[in-house]
Amino acid sequence: MAINIDVLKSIMNMCDDKHNTLLYFLDNNIQKKLNKYKYTLFDDLYLNDQIILINKSTLQIEILGKINNIDNNIGILKNNRTIYYNPQYYHIFSKYNNNKNKDVTYFEELLKQLG
């Protein structure tokens, strides 16, 4: 059984810019892979988001994939089966998708008009 300790918990709780703070502590090769990704909270994830999960204990990339299920865990399709990851054990980076943000804004405005 692996021990899951968030090695940067106190630092991440104090900082406002979590993305750059976390990047500072990551290996240069990992920083390069995260170039087009942004630090994301679990509540801000959407289906089909391309994500990278960084293990909070090891600060290494655990998985890179596309979300196909979100409930209490993050489901990522690998080898024709969905593998679920508990988000409390990972720092989550998602690829910036401008179209998704436009859709969210559109539907928020639509809800305002209807309600």
C-alpha atoms as a PDB file:
ATOM      1  CA  MET A   1       0.000   0.000   0.000  1.00  0.00           C
ATOM      2  CA  ALA A   2       1.435   3.347  -1.040  1.00  0.00           C
ATOM      3  CA  ILE A   3       1.531   6.267   1.335  1.00  0.00           C
ATOM      4  CA  ASN A   4      -0.034   9.385  -0.148  1.00  0.00           C
ATOM      5  CA  ILE A   5       1.374  12.546   1.391  1.00  0.00           C
ATOM      6  CA  ASP A   6       0.936  15.946  -0.211  1.00  0.00           C
ATOM      7  CA  VAL A   7       4.525  17.197   0.056  1.00  0.00           C
ATOM      8  CA  LEU A   8       3.578  20.754  -0.986  1.00  0.00           C
ATOM      9  CA  LYS A   9       0.276  21.063   0.900  1.00  0.00           C
ATOM     10  CA  SER A  10       1.261  23.942   3.201  1.00  0.00           C
ATOM     11  CA  ILE A  11       2.918  25.897   0.393  1.00  0.00           C
ATOM     12  CA  MET A  12      -0.001  25.378  -2.007  1.00  0.00           C
ATOM     13  CA  ASN A  13      -2.490  26.464   0.673  1.00  0.00           C
ATOM     14  CA  MET A  14      -0.639  29.751   1.217  1.00  0.00           C
ATOM     15  CA  CYS A  15      -0.067  30.785  -2.404  1.00  0.00           C
ATOM     16  CA  ASP A  16      -2.423  32.517  -4.800  1.00  0.00           C
ATOM     17  CA  ASP A  17      -0.689  31.449  -8.023  1.00  0.00           C
ATOM     18  CA  LYS A  18      -0.845  27.681  -7.644  1.00  0.00           C
ATOM     19  CA  HIS A  19       0.163  27.003 -11.252  1.00  0.00           C
ATOM     20  CA  ASN A  20       3.532  28.769 -11.109  1.00  0.00           C
ATOM     21  CA  THR A  21       4.204  27.684  -7.531  1.00  0.00           C
ATOM     22  CA  LEU A  22       3.826  24.038  -8.440  1.00  0.00           C
ATOM     23  CA  LEU A  23       5.867  24.428 -11.630  1.00  0.00           C
ATOM     24  CA  TYR A  24       8.735  25.824  -9.541  1.00  0.00           C
ATOM     25  CA  PHE A  25       9.046  22.507  -7.667  1.00  0.00           C
ATOM     26  CA  LEU A  26       8.711  20.206 -10.683  1.00  0.00           C
ATOM     27  CA  ASP A  27      11.489  18.698 -12.766  1.00  0.00           C
ATOM     28  CA  ASN A  28      12.394  20.609 -15.964  1.00  0.00           C
ATOM     29  CA  ASN A  29      11.184  17.749 -18.194  1.00  0.00           C
ATOM     30  CA  ILE A  30       7.786  17.795 -16.495  1.00  0.00           C
ATOM     31  CA  GLN A  31       7.615  21.589 -16.771  1.00  0.00           C
ATOM     32  CA  LYS A  32       8.114  21.289 -20.548  1.00  0.00           C
ATOM     33  CA  LYS A  33       5.271  18.756 -20.831  1.00  0.00           C
ATOM     34  CA  LEU A  34       2.977  21.121 -18.926  1.00  0.00           C
ATOM     35  CA  ASN A  35       3.705  24.031 -21.280  1.00  0.00           C
ATOM     36  CA  LYS A  36       0.195  24.040 -22.820  1.00  0.00           C
ATOM     37  CA  TYR A  37      -1.597  23.008 -19.642  1.00  0.00           C
ATOM     38  CA  LYS A  38      -2.937  24.994 -16.703  1.00  0.00           C
ATOM     39  CA  TYR A  39      -3.408  24.061 -13.064  1.00  0.00           C
ATOM     40  CA  THR A  40      -7.070  23.130 -12.644  1.00  0.00           C
ATOM     41  CA  LEU A  41      -9.328  22.345  -9.720  1.00  0.00           C
ATOM     42  CA  PHE A  42     -11.429  19.169  -9.809  1.00  0.00           C
ATOM     43  CA  ASP A  43     -14.675  21.187  -9.957  1.00  0.00           C
ATOM     44  CA  ASP A  44     -13.499  22.914 -13.155  1.00  0.00           C
ATOM     45  CA  LEU A  45     -13.006  19.725 -15.180  1.00  0.00           C
ATOM     46  CA  TYR A  46     -15.184  18.706 -18.111  1.00  0.00           C
ATOM     47  CA  LEU A  47     -15.640  15.528 -20.110  1.00  0.00           C
ATOM     48  CA  ASN A  48     -13.106  15.156 -22.931  1.00  0.00           C
ATOM     49  CA  ASP A  49     -10.612  17.490 -21.223  1.00  0.00           C
ATOM     50  CA  GLN A  50      -7.036  16.462 -21.905  1.00  0.00           C
ATOM     51  CA  ILE A  51      -5.365  16.278 -18.476  1.00  0.00           C
ATOM     52  CA  ILE A  52      -2.103  15.420 -16.773  1.00  0.00           C
ATOM     53  CA  LEU A  53      -2.197  14.112 -13.207  1.00  0.00           C
ATOM     54  CA  ILE A  54       0.851  14.860 -11.049  1.00  0.00           C
ATOM     55  CA  ASN A  55       1.148  12.632  -7.982  1.00  0.00           C
ATOM     56  CA  LYS A  56       1.154  14.820  -4.847  1.00  0.00           C
ATOM     57  CA  SER A  57       3.604  12.492  -3.063  1.00  0.00           C
ATOM     58  CA  THR A  58       6.215  12.048  -5.779  1.00  0.00           C
ATOM     59  CA  LEU A  59       5.619  15.153  -7.944  1.00  0.00           C
ATOM     60  CA  GLN A  60       5.875  12.894 -10.997  1.00  0.00           C
ATOM     61  CA  ILE A  61       3.436  12.514 -13.886  1.00  0.00           C
ATOM     62  CA  GLU A  62       1.152   9.598 -13.110  1.00  0.00           C
ATOM     63  CA  ILE A  63      -1.200   9.753 -16.084  1.00  0.00           C
ATOM     64  CA  LEU A  64      -1.827  11.730 -19.242  1.00  0.00           C
ATOM     65  CA  GLY A  65      -5.171  11.216 -20.916  1.00  0.00           C
ATOM     66  CA  LYS A  66      -8.637  12.374 -21.833  1.00  0.00           C
ATOM     67  CA  ILE A  67     -11.461  12.385 -19.282  1.00  0.00           C
ATOM     68  CA  ASN A  68     -14.361  10.113 -20.203  1.00  0.00           C
ATOM     69  CA  ASN A  69     -16.089  10.003 -16.780  1.00  0.00           C
ATOM     70  CA  ILE A  70     -16.348  12.362 -13.811  1.00  0.00           C
ATOM     71  CA  ASP A  71     -18.077  11.507 -10.549  1.00  0.00           C
ATOM     72  CA  ASN A  72     -16.154  11.451  -7.267  1.00  0.00           C
ATOM     73  CA  ASN A  73     -13.173  10.218  -9.282  1.00  0.00           C
ATOM     74  CA  ILE A  74     -11.680  11.041 -12.666  1.00  0.00           C
ATOM     75  CA  GLY A  75     -12.186   8.310 -15.279  1.00  0.00           C
ATOM     76  CA  ILE A  76      -9.591   8.093 -18.047  1.00  0.00           C
ATOM     77  CA  LEU A  77      -9.783   5.598 -20.909  1.00  0.00           C
ATOM     78  CA  LYS A  78      -6.642   3.455 -21.183  1.00  0.00           C
ATOM     79  CA  ASN A  79      -6.334   0.206 -23.166  1.00  0.00           C
ATOM     80  CA  ASN A  80     -10.080   0.041 -23.869  1.00  0.00           C
ATOM     81  CA  ARG A  81     -11.077   0.311 -20.210  1.00  0.00           C
ATOM     82  CA  THR A  82     -11.736   3.218 -17.888  1.00  0.00           C
ATOM     83  CA  ILE A  83      -9.300   3.638 -15.011  1.00  0.00           C
ATOM     84  CA  TYR A  84     -10.459   5.813 -12.122  1.00  0.00           C
ATOM     85  CA  TYR A  85      -8.179   8.186 -10.216  1.00  0.00           C
ATOM     86  CA  ASN A  86      -8.976   9.841  -6.895  1.00  0.00           C
ATOM     87  CA  PRO A  87      -8.411  13.589  -7.441  1.00  0.00           C
ATOM     88  CA  GLN A  88      -7.322  14.192  -3.843  1.00  0.00           C
ATOM     89  CA  TYR A  89      -4.031  12.394  -4.604  1.00  0.00           C
ATOM     90  CA  TYR A  90      -3.128  14.485  -7.668  1.00  0.00           C
ATOM     91  CA  HIS A  91      -2.349  17.976  -8.869  1.00  0.00           C
ATOM     92  CA  ILE A  92      -4.472  18.326 -12.000  1.00  0.00           C
ATOM     93  CA  PHE A  93      -3.405  20.144 -15.150  1.00  0.00           C
ATOM     94  CA  SER A  94      -5.795  20.489 -18.077  1.00  0.00           C
ATOM     95  CA  LYS A  95      -5.097  21.649 -21.595  1.00  0.00           C
ATOM     96  CA  TYR A  96      -6.511  25.092 -22.220  1.00  0.00           C
ATOM     97  CA  ASN A  97      -9.513  24.845 -24.519  1.00  0.00           C
ATOM     98  CA  ASN A  98     -10.826  28.204 -25.644  1.00  0.00           C
ATOM     99  CA  ASN A  99     -13.935  26.682 -27.276  1.00  0.00           C
ATOM    100  CA  LYS A 100     -15.039  25.122 -23.982  1.00  0.00           C
ATOM    101  CA  ASN A 101     -14.811  28.486 -22.211  1.00  0.00           C
ATOM    102  CA  LYS A 102     -16.911  30.099 -24.938  1.00  0.00           C
ATOM    103  CA  ASP A 103     -19.546  27.351 -24.571  1.00  0.00           C
ATOM    104  CA  VAL A 104     -19.670  27.741 -20.789  1.00  0.00           C
ATOM    105  CA  THR A 105     -20.068  31.509 -21.106  1.00  0.00           C
ATOM    106  CA  TYR A 106     -22.792  31.045 -23.720  1.00  0.00           C
ATOM    107  CA  PHE A 107     -24.812  28.658 -21.555  1.00  0.00           C
ATOM    108  CA  GLU A 108     -24.393  30.821 -18.439  1.00  0.00           C
ATOM    109  CA  GLU A 109     -25.767  33.792 -20.353  1.00  0.00           C
ATOM    110  CA  LEU A 110     -28.594  31.653 -21.723  1.00  0.00           C
ATOM    111  CA  LEU A 111     -29.544  30.548 -18.202  1.00  0.00           C
ATOM    112  CA  LYS A 112     -29.588  34.187 -17.063  1.00  0.00           C
ATOM    113  CA  GLN A 113     -31.942  35.059 -19.899  1.00  0.00           C
ATOM    114  CA  LEU A 114     -34.271  32.147 -19.164  1.00  0.00           C
ATOM    115  CA  GLY A 115     -34.268  32.531 -15.381  1.00  0.00           C
END
